[in-house]
Amino acid sequence: MYLVAKRNNTTLPPAGLFIIRFHSFYAMHRRGAYTFLMNDEDKEMLKWLQVFNKYDLYSKSKVKINQEEVKPYYLSLIKKYFAEKLKW
């Protein structure tokens, strides 16, 4: 998804791209592995990733979301940050 966003000139902020790129890299953001490879900007972006993790798709909630109810909101975000037609 990160490469698709970059290739399509997304207007997501840098922190958003960092989150997309590294949210599944648990060794880094849960265990602190590979931090010796990070520069100051990466370390700052990591803070945003850790905030995001509280709200990601794997959050365990007993509240069932009505997908049709929230769909317009998420479609508006897609429209805001991505081109109408994506290059894959």
Protein backbone atom coordinates (compact mmCIF):
# COMPACT_ATOMS: atom_id res chain seq x y z
CA MET A 1 0.00 0.00 0.00
CA TYR A 2 2.91 2.33 0.75
CA LEU A 3 4.30 1.96 -2.77
CA VAL A 4 0.85 2.48 -4.30
CA ALA A 5 0.42 5.66 -2.25
CA LYS A 6 3.86 6.97 -3.26
CA ARG A 7 3.39 6.09 -6.93
CA ASN A 8 0.05 7.90 -7.00
CA ASN A 9 1.35 11.07 -5.33
CA THR A 10 -0.87 10.79 -2.28
CA THR A 11 -1.41 13.92 -0.24
CA LEU A 12 -1.09 11.97 3.01
CA PRO A 13 1.30 13.62 5.45
CA PRO A 14 4.70 11.97 5.97
CA ALA A 15 3.54 10.41 9.25
CA GLY A 16 0.66 8.72 7.41
CA LEU A 17 3.02 7.21 4.87
CA PHE A 18 5.34 6.05 7.66
CA ILE A 19 2.40 4.35 9.40
CA ILE A 20 1.34 2.58 6.20
CA ARG A 21 4.88 1.44 5.54
CA PHE A 22 5.80 0.19 9.01
CA HIS A 23 2.60 -0.69 10.89
CA SER A 24 3.22 -4.44 10.43
CA PHE A 25 6.90 -4.21 11.36
CA TYR A 26 6.26 -5.27 14.95
CA ALA A 27 9.91 -5.98 15.72
CA MET A 28 10.60 -2.28 15.34
CA HIS A 29 7.65 -0.62 17.01
CA ARG A 30 6.91 -3.16 19.73
CA ARG A 31 10.34 -4.52 20.56
CA GLY A 32 12.59 -1.62 19.57
CA ALA A 33 14.59 -3.72 17.12
CA TYR A 34 16.53 -1.99 14.35
CA THR A 35 16.32 1.41 16.00
CA PHE A 36 20.07 1.79 15.45
CA LEU A 37 19.21 2.11 11.74
CA MET A 38 16.75 4.95 12.33
CA ASN A 39 17.53 8.62 11.83
CA ASP A 40 15.95 11.44 13.86
CA GLU A 41 13.03 11.77 11.43
CA ASP A 42 12.27 8.04 11.68
CA LYS A 43 12.29 8.27 15.47
CA GLU A 44 9.83 11.18 15.36
CA MET A 45 7.55 9.30 12.94
CA LEU A 46 7.69 6.23 15.18
CA LYS A 47 5.84 8.23 17.83
CA TRP A 48 2.92 8.67 15.42
CA LEU A 49 2.93 4.95 14.63
CA GLN A 50 2.69 4.13 18.31
CA VAL A 51 -0.30 6.47 18.67
CA PHE A 52 -1.94 4.87 15.62
CA ASN A 53 -1.52 1.37 17.03
CA LYS A 54 -4.13 2.14 19.68
CA TYR A 55 -6.73 2.51 16.92
CA ASP A 56 -5.64 0.11 14.18
CA LEU A 57 -7.70 -2.65 12.57
CA TYR A 58 -6.63 -5.20 15.14
CA SER A 59 -8.19 -3.30 18.01
CA LYS A 60 -10.45 -5.53 19.98
CA SER A 61 -13.78 -3.84 20.47
CA LYS A 62 -17.11 -5.33 21.40
CA VAL A 63 -18.89 -2.55 19.52
CA LYS A 64 -19.95 -3.65 16.06
CA ILE A 65 -19.48 -0.91 13.48
CA ASN A 66 -22.24 -0.31 10.95
CA GLN A 67 -20.16 -0.31 7.78
CA GLU A 68 -22.76 1.44 5.66
CA GLU A 69 -23.01 4.19 8.23
CA VAL A 70 -19.27 4.95 8.26
CA LYS A 71 -18.65 4.27 4.56
CA PRO A 72 -19.23 7.89 3.40
CA TYR A 73 -16.65 9.14 5.91
CA TYR A 74 -13.97 6.72 4.72
CA LEU A 75 -14.76 7.32 1.06
CA SER A 76 -14.28 11.05 1.68
CA LEU A 77 -10.83 10.33 3.14
CA ILE A 78 -9.89 8.23 0.13
CA LYS A 79 -11.06 11.03 -2.16
CA LYS A 80 -9.09 13.59 -0.16
CA TYR A 81 -5.76 11.73 -0.14
CA PHE A 82 -5.76 9.60 -3.31
CA ALA A 83 -6.30 10.07 -7.03
CA GLU A 84 -9.62 8.94 -8.44
CA LYS A 85 -7.91 6.23 -10.47
CA LEU A 86 -4.89 4.51 -8.95
CA LYS A 87 -1.88 3.09 -10.75
CA TRP A 88 -1.15 -0.37 -9.39
